[in-house]
């Protein structure tokens, strides 16, 4: 099945689901600057400057039951304890449970990572601060939680679902650099 057919059926499913809801569905959006400070570790080298700010964006869906949070982060990865801490903080801000929060790292190659479990192991091995900037990660979590509280307060009713299709061009990856 072609991908746009899947999108069509998924959109149809959501339209039916929204129309069957007992409570109206509302959506709030959030967007936080997740760019690391100069000198913070990245995937390959420390941060030298910010050409394109990294974002932590998402939606909070409010309807029947507790809210659902969908979050996308322009970092290389969030693992283990990092994922748990993100989900717990965002769930608390939204008044929901961590199981209703999804945090997705978009795997930008020259970006920060977050793993508080690895941080503890590295500290025990005499390498505190290696691998990622825990202070910055905690700052992004805090700012995202604050943004989620604002998103909830300003959540708008959902009246329509739109889908689109387009041609994507001039997108590259740094995975296959020569030299």
N, C-alpha and C. Protein backbone atom coordinates (compact mmCIF):
# COMPACT_ATOMS: atom_id res chain seq x y z
N UNK A 1 0.84 -1.17 0.00
CA UNK A 1 0.00 0.00 0.00
C UNK A 1 0.90 1.24 0.00
N UNK A 2 0.60 2.19 -0.86
CA UNK A 2 1.39 3.41 -0.93
C UNK A 2 1.22 4.22 0.34
N UNK A 3 2.27 5.00 0.67
CA UNK A 3 2.26 5.71 1.95
C UNK A 3 1.09 6.71 2.04
N UNK A 4 0.72 7.36 0.94
CA UNK A 4 -0.38 8.32 1.04
C UNK A 4 -1.71 7.62 1.26
N UNK A 5 -1.83 6.36 0.84
CA UNK A 5 -3.04 5.60 1.16
C UNK A 5 -3.12 5.32 2.65
N UNK A 6 -1.97 4.98 3.26
CA UNK A 6 -1.94 4.76 4.70
C UNK A 6 -2.34 6.04 5.43
N UNK A 7 -1.83 7.17 4.98
CA UNK A 7 -2.17 8.44 5.60
C UNK A 7 -3.67 8.70 5.49
N UNK A 8 -4.24 8.41 4.31
CA UNK A 8 -5.68 8.60 4.10
C UNK A 8 -6.48 7.76 5.11
N UNK A 9 -6.12 6.49 5.26
CA UNK A 9 -6.85 5.63 6.19
C UNK A 9 -6.63 6.05 7.63
N UNK A 10 -5.42 6.47 7.95
CA UNK A 10 -5.15 6.95 9.30
C UNK A 10 -5.97 8.22 9.59
N UNK A 11 -6.02 9.13 8.63
CA UNK A 11 -6.80 10.35 8.81
C UNK A 11 -8.28 10.01 8.97
N UNK A 12 -8.77 9.07 8.19
CA UNK A 12 -10.16 8.63 8.32
C UNK A 12 -10.44 8.05 9.69
N UNK A 13 -9.50 7.24 10.17
CA UNK A 13 -9.64 6.67 11.51
C UNK A 13 -9.75 7.77 12.55
N UNK A 14 -8.85 8.77 12.47
CA UNK A 14 -8.87 9.85 13.45
C UNK A 14 -10.13 10.69 13.35
N UNK A 15 -10.64 10.91 12.16
CA UNK A 15 -11.90 11.66 12.02
C UNK A 15 -13.04 10.92 12.71
N UNK A 16 -13.10 9.62 12.51
CA UNK A 16 -14.15 8.82 13.15
C UNK A 16 -13.94 8.84 14.66
N UNK A 17 -12.69 8.67 15.09
CA UNK A 17 -12.40 8.67 16.53
C UNK A 17 -12.79 10.00 17.16
N UNK A 18 -12.47 11.11 16.48
CA UNK A 18 -12.82 12.43 17.02
C UNK A 18 -14.33 12.61 17.10
N UNK A 19 -15.05 12.12 16.09
CA UNK A 19 -16.49 12.31 16.08
C UNK A 19 -17.19 11.44 17.13
N UNK A 20 -16.55 10.35 17.56
CA UNK A 20 -17.14 9.47 18.57
C UNK A 20 -16.78 9.89 19.99
N UNK A 21 -15.90 10.83 20.13
CA UNK A 21 -15.47 11.27 21.46
C UNK A 21 -16.64 11.88 22.22
N UNK A 22 -16.74 11.52 23.51
CA UNK A 22 -17.77 12.12 24.35
C UNK A 22 -17.38 13.56 24.70
N UNK A 23 -16.11 13.77 24.94
CA UNK A 23 -15.61 15.11 25.28
C UNK A 23 -14.98 15.72 24.03
N UNK A 24 -15.10 17.03 23.84
CA UNK A 24 -14.45 17.65 22.68
C UNK A 24 -12.93 17.53 22.81
N UNK A 25 -12.28 17.39 21.69
CA UNK A 25 -10.83 17.26 21.66
C UNK A 25 -10.23 18.65 21.47
N UNK A 26 -9.23 18.96 22.31
CA UNK A 26 -8.50 20.22 22.19
C UNK A 26 -7.02 19.91 22.03
N UNK A 27 -6.32 20.79 21.33
CA UNK A 27 -4.88 20.60 21.11
C UNK A 27 -4.14 21.88 21.45
N UNK A 28 -3.07 21.73 22.21
CA UNK A 28 -2.16 22.83 22.50
C UNK A 28 -0.80 22.50 21.93
N UNK A 29 -0.09 23.51 21.48
CA UNK A 29 1.24 23.28 20.89
C UNK A 29 2.30 23.94 21.76
N UNK A 30 3.51 23.38 21.72
CA UNK A 30 4.63 23.97 22.44
C UNK A 30 5.88 23.92 21.59
N UNK A 31 6.80 24.83 21.86
CA UNK A 31 8.04 24.94 21.10
C UNK A 31 9.09 25.61 21.99
N UNK A 32 10.20 24.92 22.21
CA UNK A 32 11.26 25.40 23.09
C UNK A 32 12.59 25.33 22.36
N UNK A 33 13.46 26.30 22.59
CA UNK A 33 14.81 26.27 22.04
C UNK A 33 15.61 25.23 22.83
N UNK A 34 16.11 24.21 22.15
CA UNK A 34 16.88 23.13 22.78
C UNK A 34 18.35 23.17 22.36
N UNK A 35 18.78 24.31 21.81
CA UNK A 35 20.17 24.45 21.36
C UNK A 35 21.12 24.41 22.55
N UNK A 36 22.22 23.69 22.42
CA UNK A 36 23.17 23.60 23.53
C UNK A 36 24.02 24.86 23.64
N UNK A 37 24.53 25.14 24.85
CA UNK A 37 25.44 26.28 24.99
C UNK A 37 26.79 25.97 24.34
N UNK A 38 27.51 27.02 23.98
CA UNK A 38 28.84 26.86 23.40
C UNK A 38 29.70 26.04 24.36
N UNK A 39 30.40 25.06 23.80
CA UNK A 39 31.27 24.19 24.60
C UNK A 39 30.63 22.89 25.02
N UNK A 40 29.30 22.78 24.91
CA UNK A 40 28.62 21.53 25.28
C UNK A 40 29.00 20.40 24.33
N UNK A 41 29.09 19.17 24.84
CA UNK A 41 29.40 18.05 23.96
C UNK A 41 28.27 17.80 22.95
N UNK A 42 28.68 17.49 21.73
CA UNK A 42 27.76 17.06 20.68
C UNK A 42 28.17 15.66 20.27
N UNK A 43 27.63 15.18 19.18
CA UNK A 43 27.96 13.83 18.72
C UNK A 43 29.44 13.71 18.36
N UNK A 44 30.04 14.74 17.76
CA UNK A 44 31.40 14.63 17.26
C UNK A 44 32.38 15.58 17.94
N UNK A 45 31.98 16.80 18.16
CA UNK A 45 32.86 17.81 18.75
C UNK A 45 32.02 18.70 19.66
N UNK A 46 32.65 19.47 20.53
CA UNK A 46 31.87 20.41 21.35
C UNK A 46 31.20 21.49 20.49
N UNK A 47 30.14 22.07 21.01
CA UNK A 47 29.41 23.12 20.32
C UNK A 47 30.32 24.32 20.10
N UNK A 48 30.44 24.75 18.84
CA UNK A 48 31.27 25.92 18.50
C UNK A 48 30.40 27.14 18.21
N UNK A 49 29.18 26.91 17.79
CA UNK A 49 28.26 27.99 17.45
C UNK A 49 26.91 27.39 17.07
N UNK A 50 25.92 28.25 16.89
CA UNK A 50 24.58 27.80 16.53
C UNK A 50 24.23 28.38 15.16
N UNK A 51 24.26 27.56 14.13
CA UNK A 51 23.84 28.00 12.79
C UNK A 51 22.33 27.90 12.65
N UNK A 52 21.77 26.81 13.14
CA UNK A 52 20.33 26.56 13.08
C UNK A 52 19.90 26.08 14.46
N UNK A 53 19.08 26.86 15.16
CA UNK A 53 18.66 26.46 16.51
C UNK A 53 17.97 25.09 16.52
N UNK A 54 18.23 24.33 17.56
CA UNK A 54 17.57 23.05 17.75
C UNK A 54 16.29 23.29 18.54
N UNK A 55 15.25 22.53 18.24
CA UNK A 55 13.93 22.77 18.85
C UNK A 55 13.46 21.53 19.61
N UNK A 56 12.61 21.77 20.57
CA UNK A 56 11.85 20.73 21.26
C UNK A 56 10.40 21.16 21.07
N UNK A 57 9.68 20.48 20.20
CA UNK A 57 8.33 20.89 19.84
C UNK A 57 7.34 19.74 20.05
N UNK A 58 6.08 20.10 20.14
CA UNK A 58 5.10 19.04 20.26
C UNK A 58 3.69 19.54 20.45
N UNK A 59 2.82 18.59 20.77
CA UNK A 59 1.41 18.86 21.00
C UNK A 59 0.95 18.18 22.27
N UNK A 60 -0.03 18.79 22.89
CA UNK A 60 -0.74 18.18 24.02
C UNK A 60 -2.18 18.00 23.55
N UNK A 61 -2.66 16.78 23.58
CA UNK A 61 -4.01 16.45 23.13
C UNK A 61 -4.86 16.22 24.38
N UNK A 62 -5.94 17.00 24.48
CA UNK A 62 -6.83 16.93 25.64
C UNK A 62 -8.21 16.51 25.16
N UNK A 63 -8.75 15.52 25.78
CA UNK A 63 -10.09 15.04 25.44
C UNK A 63 -10.61 14.25 26.60
N UNK A 64 -11.23 13.12 26.29
CA UNK A 64 -11.70 12.24 27.35
C UNK A 64 -10.50 11.53 27.96
N UNK A 65 -10.42 11.48 29.26
CA UNK A 65 -9.26 10.86 29.90
C UNK A 65 -8.15 11.88 30.08
N UNK A 66 -7.02 11.41 30.51
CA UNK A 66 -5.88 12.30 30.76
C UNK A 66 -5.23 12.73 29.45
N UNK A 67 -4.53 13.88 29.47
CA UNK A 67 -3.89 14.38 28.25
C UNK A 67 -2.83 13.42 27.69
N UNK A 68 -2.57 13.58 26.41
CA UNK A 68 -1.52 12.85 25.70
C UNK A 68 -0.52 13.89 25.22
N UNK A 69 0.78 13.63 25.41
CA UNK A 69 1.84 14.54 24.98
C UNK A 69 2.68 13.85 23.92
N UNK A 70 2.85 14.51 22.78
CA UNK A 70 3.73 14.03 21.71
C UNK A 70 4.81 15.09 21.53
N UNK A 71 6.07 14.68 21.69
CA UNK A 71 7.18 15.63 21.71
C UNK A 71 8.27 15.17 20.75
N UNK A 72 8.81 16.08 19.95
CA UNK A 72 9.93 15.78 19.05
C UNK A 72 11.09 16.71 19.41
N UNK A 73 12.27 16.12 19.53
CA UNK A 73 13.44 16.86 19.99
C UNK A 73 14.57 16.73 18.98
N UNK A 74 15.15 17.84 18.57
CA UNK A 74 16.24 17.87 17.58
C UNK A 74 17.58 17.45 18.19
N UNK A 75 17.61 16.33 18.86
CA UNK A 75 18.85 15.81 19.43
C UNK A 75 19.16 14.46 18.80
N UNK A 76 20.39 13.99 19.00
CA UNK A 76 20.78 12.71 18.40
C UNK A 76 20.10 11.53 19.08
N UNK A 77 19.84 11.65 20.39
CA UNK A 77 19.17 10.56 21.07
C UNK A 77 18.86 10.86 22.53
N UNK A 78 17.85 10.17 23.04
CA UNK A 78 17.50 10.22 24.46
C UNK A 78 17.38 8.76 24.88
N UNK A 79 18.19 8.37 25.85
CA UNK A 79 18.23 6.95 26.21
C UNK A 79 18.00 6.74 27.69
N UNK A 80 17.57 5.54 28.03
CA UNK A 80 17.51 5.04 29.40
C UNK A 80 16.94 6.06 30.38
N UNK A 81 17.74 6.46 31.37
CA UNK A 81 17.29 7.40 32.39
C UNK A 81 16.90 8.74 31.82
N UNK A 82 17.52 9.15 30.72
CA UNK A 82 17.15 10.41 30.07
C UNK A 82 15.71 10.38 29.58
N UNK A 83 15.33 9.27 28.95
CA UNK A 83 13.97 9.12 28.44
C UNK A 83 12.97 9.12 29.59
N UNK A 84 13.30 8.40 30.66
CA UNK A 84 12.41 8.35 31.82
C UNK A 84 12.22 9.72 32.45
N UNK A 85 13.30 10.46 32.64
CA UNK A 85 13.22 11.78 33.27
C UNK A 85 12.39 12.73 32.40
N UNK A 86 12.64 12.72 31.07
CA UNK A 86 11.85 13.55 30.15
C UNK A 86 10.37 13.23 30.31
N UNK A 87 10.01 11.95 30.18
CA UNK A 87 8.60 11.55 30.21
C UNK A 87 7.93 11.90 31.54
N UNK A 88 8.63 11.66 32.63
CA UNK A 88 8.04 11.95 33.95
C UNK A 88 7.78 13.45 34.13
N UNK A 89 8.75 14.28 33.73
CA UNK A 89 8.59 15.74 33.88
C UNK A 89 7.48 16.27 32.98
N UNK A 90 7.41 15.79 31.74
CA UNK A 90 6.39 16.27 30.81
C UNK A 90 5.01 15.78 31.23
N UNK A 91 4.95 14.55 31.75
CA UNK A 91 3.67 14.02 32.24
C UNK A 91 3.17 14.85 33.42
N UNK A 92 4.05 15.16 34.35
CA UNK A 92 3.66 15.95 35.51
C UNK A 92 3.13 17.32 35.07
N UNK A 93 3.81 17.95 34.10
CA UNK A 93 3.38 19.27 33.61
C UNK A 93 2.02 19.20 32.94
N UNK A 94 1.73 18.09 32.28
CA UNK A 94 0.46 17.94 31.56
C UNK A 94 -0.65 17.37 32.44
N UNK A 95 -0.32 16.93 33.65
CA UNK A 95 -1.32 16.31 34.50
C UNK A 95 -1.74 14.94 34.00
N UNK A 96 -0.74 14.17 33.54
CA UNK A 96 -1.03 12.85 33.00
C UNK A 96 0.01 11.86 33.51
N UNK A 97 0.01 10.66 32.97
CA UNK A 97 0.97 9.62 33.36
C UNK A 97 2.06 9.53 32.30
N UNK A 98 3.29 9.11 32.70
CA UNK A 98 4.37 8.98 31.72
C UNK A 98 4.04 8.07 30.54
N UNK A 99 3.19 7.08 30.76
CA UNK A 99 2.83 6.17 29.66
C UNK A 99 2.06 6.90 28.55
N UNK A 100 1.52 8.08 28.85
CA UNK A 100 0.78 8.87 27.86
C UNK A 100 1.64 9.97 27.25
N UNK A 101 2.96 9.85 27.41
CA UNK A 101 3.92 10.83 26.88
C UNK A 101 4.90 10.10 25.98
N UNK A 102 5.07 10.60 24.76
CA UNK A 102 6.07 10.06 23.83
C UNK A 102 7.06 11.17 23.50
N UNK A 103 8.33 10.89 23.70
CA UNK A 103 9.41 11.83 23.37
C UNK A 103 10.26 11.18 22.29
N UNK A 104 10.39 11.84 21.16
CA UNK A 104 11.13 11.29 20.02
C UNK A 104 12.33 12.17 19.71
N UNK A 105 13.52 11.58 19.72
CA UNK A 105 14.71 12.30 19.28
C UNK A 105 14.81 12.11 17.77
N UNK A 106 15.00 13.21 17.05
CA UNK A 106 14.99 13.16 15.59
C UNK A 106 16.31 12.72 14.99
N UNK A 107 17.30 12.47 15.83
CA UNK A 107 18.60 11.93 15.45
C UNK A 107 19.38 12.84 14.51
N UNK A 108 19.39 14.15 14.83
CA UNK A 108 20.24 15.08 14.11
C UNK A 108 21.67 14.66 14.44
N UNK A 109 22.53 14.56 13.47
CA UNK A 109 23.84 13.95 13.72
C UNK A 109 24.81 14.80 14.52
N UNK A 110 24.77 16.07 14.38
CA UNK A 110 25.69 16.89 15.16
C UNK A 110 24.88 17.62 16.21
N UNK A 111 24.41 16.85 17.19
CA UNK A 111 23.48 17.38 18.20
C UNK A 111 23.76 16.72 19.54
N UNK A 112 23.15 17.25 20.61
CA UNK A 112 23.33 16.65 21.93
C UNK A 112 22.63 15.31 22.05
N UNK A 113 23.00 14.61 23.12
CA UNK A 113 22.31 13.39 23.51
C UNK A 113 21.99 13.51 24.99
N UNK A 114 21.15 12.61 25.50
CA UNK A 114 20.78 12.65 26.91
C UNK A 114 20.60 11.23 27.43
N UNK A 115 21.38 10.89 28.47
CA UNK A 115 21.25 9.59 29.12
C UNK A 115 21.75 9.73 30.55
N UNK A 116 20.82 10.00 31.47
CA UNK A 116 21.20 10.19 32.86
C UNK A 116 21.73 8.90 33.49
N UNK A 117 21.32 7.72 32.99
CA UNK A 117 21.85 6.46 33.49
C UNK A 117 23.33 6.34 33.14
N UNK A 118 23.69 6.65 31.90
CA UNK A 118 25.10 6.61 31.49
C UNK A 118 25.92 7.65 32.25
N UNK A 119 25.29 8.81 32.54
CA UNK A 119 25.99 9.85 33.28
C UNK A 119 26.44 9.33 34.65
N UNK A 120 25.58 8.60 35.33
CA UNK A 120 25.93 8.04 36.65
C UNK A 120 27.09 7.05 36.53
N UNK A 121 27.06 6.20 35.50
CA UNK A 121 28.13 5.22 35.32
C UNK A 121 29.46 5.91 34.99
N UNK A 122 29.40 6.93 34.14
CA UNK A 122 30.61 7.66 33.79
C UNK A 122 31.19 8.39 35.00
N UNK A 123 30.33 8.95 35.83
CA UNK A 123 30.80 9.64 37.04
C UNK A 123 31.51 8.65 37.97
N UNK A 124 30.96 7.44 38.12
CA UNK A 124 31.59 6.42 38.95
C UNK A 124 32.96 6.02 38.39
N UNK A 125 33.10 6.11 37.07
CA UNK A 125 34.38 5.75 36.42
C UNK A 125 35.34 6.93 36.38
N UNK A 126 34.98 8.04 37.03
CA UNK A 126 35.86 9.20 37.07
C UNK A 126 35.77 10.09 35.85
N UNK A 127 34.66 10.00 35.12
CA UNK A 127 34.47 10.81 33.91
C UNK A 127 33.19 11.65 34.01
N UNK A 128 33.05 12.46 35.04
CA UNK A 128 31.84 13.28 35.15
C UNK A 128 31.76 14.30 34.01
N UNK A 129 30.57 14.49 33.49
CA UNK A 129 30.38 15.47 32.42
C UNK A 129 30.76 14.97 31.04
N UNK A 130 31.21 13.72 30.91
CA UNK A 130 31.56 13.18 29.60
C UNK A 130 30.29 12.77 28.86
N UNK A 131 30.28 12.98 27.58
CA UNK A 131 29.17 12.49 26.76
C UNK A 131 28.05 13.46 26.50
N UNK A 132 27.58 14.16 27.54
CA UNK A 132 26.53 15.14 27.31
C UNK A 132 26.47 16.13 28.46
N UNK A 133 25.78 17.22 28.22
CA UNK A 133 25.66 18.31 29.18
C UNK A 133 24.37 18.11 29.98
N UNK A 134 24.48 17.47 31.14
CA UNK A 134 23.31 17.16 31.96
C UNK A 134 22.59 18.42 32.42
N UNK A 135 23.34 19.45 32.74
CA UNK A 135 22.72 20.70 33.20
C UNK A 135 21.83 21.28 32.10
N UNK A 136 22.34 21.27 30.86
CA UNK A 136 21.55 21.79 29.74
C UNK A 136 20.32 20.90 29.50
N UNK A 137 20.49 19.59 29.57
CA UNK A 137 19.36 18.68 29.36
C UNK A 137 18.26 18.96 30.39
N UNK A 138 18.64 19.15 31.64
CA UNK A 138 17.66 19.45 32.69
C UNK A 138 16.98 20.79 32.44
N UNK A 139 17.74 21.75 31.90
CA UNK A 139 17.16 23.06 31.55
C UNK A 139 16.10 22.89 30.46
N UNK A 140 16.41 22.11 29.42
CA UNK A 140 15.45 21.89 28.33
C UNK A 140 14.20 21.18 28.86
N UNK A 141 14.38 20.22 29.74
CA UNK A 141 13.24 19.52 30.34
C UNK A 141 12.37 20.52 31.11
N UNK A 142 12.99 21.35 31.91
CA UNK A 142 12.27 22.36 32.70
C UNK A 142 11.51 23.33 31.80
N UNK A 143 12.17 23.84 30.76
CA UNK A 143 11.53 24.79 29.84
C UNK A 143 10.39 24.13 29.07
N UNK A 144 10.58 22.87 28.69
CA UNK A 144 9.52 22.16 27.96
C UNK A 144 8.31 21.93 28.86
N UNK A 145 8.55 21.58 30.10
CA UNK A 145 7.43 21.41 31.05
C UNK A 145 6.65 22.71 31.20
N UNK A 146 7.36 23.83 31.31
CA UNK A 146 6.69 25.13 31.42
C UNK A 146 5.88 25.42 30.15
N UNK A 147 6.44 25.09 29.00
CA UNK A 147 5.74 25.32 27.73
C UNK A 147 4.50 24.44 27.61
N UNK A 148 4.57 23.24 28.15
CA UNK A 148 3.41 22.35 28.12
C UNK A 148 2.28 22.92 28.99
N UNK A 149 2.62 23.47 30.14
CA UNK A 149 1.58 24.08 30.98
C UNK A 149 0.89 25.23 30.23
N UNK A 150 1.66 26.04 29.51
CA UNK A 150 1.07 27.12 28.70
C UNK A 150 0.22 26.54 27.56
N UNK A 151 0.71 25.47 26.94
CA UNK A 151 -0.03 24.84 25.84
C UNK A 151 -1.38 24.33 26.33
N UNK A 152 -1.41 23.76 27.51
CA UNK A 152 -2.68 23.27 28.07
C UNK A 152 -3.65 24.42 28.28
N UNK A 153 -3.14 25.52 28.83
CA UNK A 153 -3.99 26.68 29.10
C UNK A 153 -4.56 27.27 27.81
N UNK A 154 -3.81 27.17 26.72
CA UNK A 154 -4.26 27.75 25.46
C UNK A 154 -4.73 26.74 24.43
N UNK A 155 -5.02 25.51 24.87
CA UNK A 155 -5.45 24.46 23.94
C UNK A 155 -6.71 24.88 23.20
N UNK A 156 -6.73 24.61 21.90
CA UNK A 156 -7.84 25.00 21.03
C UNK A 156 -8.66 23.77 20.62
N UNK A 157 -9.97 23.94 20.45
CA UNK A 157 -10.80 22.81 20.00
C UNK A 157 -10.40 22.35 18.60
N UNK A 158 -10.48 21.04 18.40
CA UNK A 158 -10.20 20.47 17.08
C UNK A 158 -11.52 20.40 16.33
N UNK A 159 -11.55 21.01 15.16
CA UNK A 159 -12.78 20.98 14.36
C UNK A 159 -12.57 20.24 13.04
N UNK A 160 -11.32 20.17 12.56
CA UNK A 160 -11.03 19.53 11.29
C UNK A 160 -9.68 18.83 11.38
N UNK A 161 -9.48 17.88 10.52
CA UNK A 161 -8.20 17.22 10.38
C UNK A 161 -7.77 17.39 8.93
N UNK A 162 -6.59 17.90 8.72
CA UNK A 162 -6.11 18.11 7.36
C UNK A 162 -4.89 17.24 7.08
N UNK A 163 -4.77 16.80 5.85
CA UNK A 163 -3.60 16.06 5.43
C UNK A 163 -3.11 16.68 4.13
N UNK A 164 -1.86 16.48 3.84
CA UNK A 164 -1.30 17.05 2.63
C UNK A 164 -0.25 16.13 2.03
N UNK A 165 0.19 16.51 0.87
CA UNK A 165 1.18 15.73 0.15
C UNK A 165 2.04 16.72 -0.61
N UNK A 166 3.33 16.48 -0.63
CA UNK A 166 4.20 17.40 -1.33
C UNK A 166 5.50 16.74 -1.74
N UNK A 167 6.23 17.44 -2.57
CA UNK A 167 7.52 16.96 -3.04
C UNK A 167 8.60 17.56 -2.15
N UNK A 168 9.51 16.73 -1.69
CA UNK A 168 10.61 17.19 -0.85
C UNK A 168 11.88 17.14 -1.68
N UNK A 169 12.61 18.24 -1.68
CA UNK A 169 13.85 18.29 -2.44
C UNK A 169 14.93 19.05 -1.71
N UNK A 170 16.12 18.89 -2.15
CA UNK A 170 17.28 19.59 -1.61
C UNK A 170 17.47 19.36 -0.12
N UNK A 171 17.25 18.11 0.30
CA UNK A 171 17.46 17.71 1.68
C UNK A 171 18.66 16.78 1.68
N UNK A 172 19.62 17.03 2.54
CA UNK A 172 20.82 16.22 2.55
C UNK A 172 21.10 15.68 3.95
N UNK A 173 22.06 14.82 4.02
CA UNK A 173 22.49 14.23 5.28
C UNK A 173 24.00 14.37 5.40
N UNK A 174 24.48 14.46 6.63
CA UNK A 174 25.92 14.54 6.82
C UNK A 174 26.52 13.16 7.12
N UNK A 175 25.77 12.10 6.91
CA UNK A 175 26.26 10.76 7.21
C UNK A 175 27.37 10.31 6.27
N UNK A 176 27.37 10.78 5.06
CA UNK A 176 28.32 10.30 4.06
C UNK A 176 29.29 11.40 3.66
N UNK A 177 29.93 12.00 4.64
CA UNK A 177 30.90 13.03 4.35
C UNK A 177 32.18 12.40 3.82
N UNK A 178 32.76 13.03 2.86
CA UNK A 178 34.03 12.53 2.32
C UNK A 178 35.17 13.17 3.08
N UNK A 179 36.24 12.38 3.23
CA UNK A 179 37.44 12.93 3.91
C UNK A 179 37.36 12.70 5.37
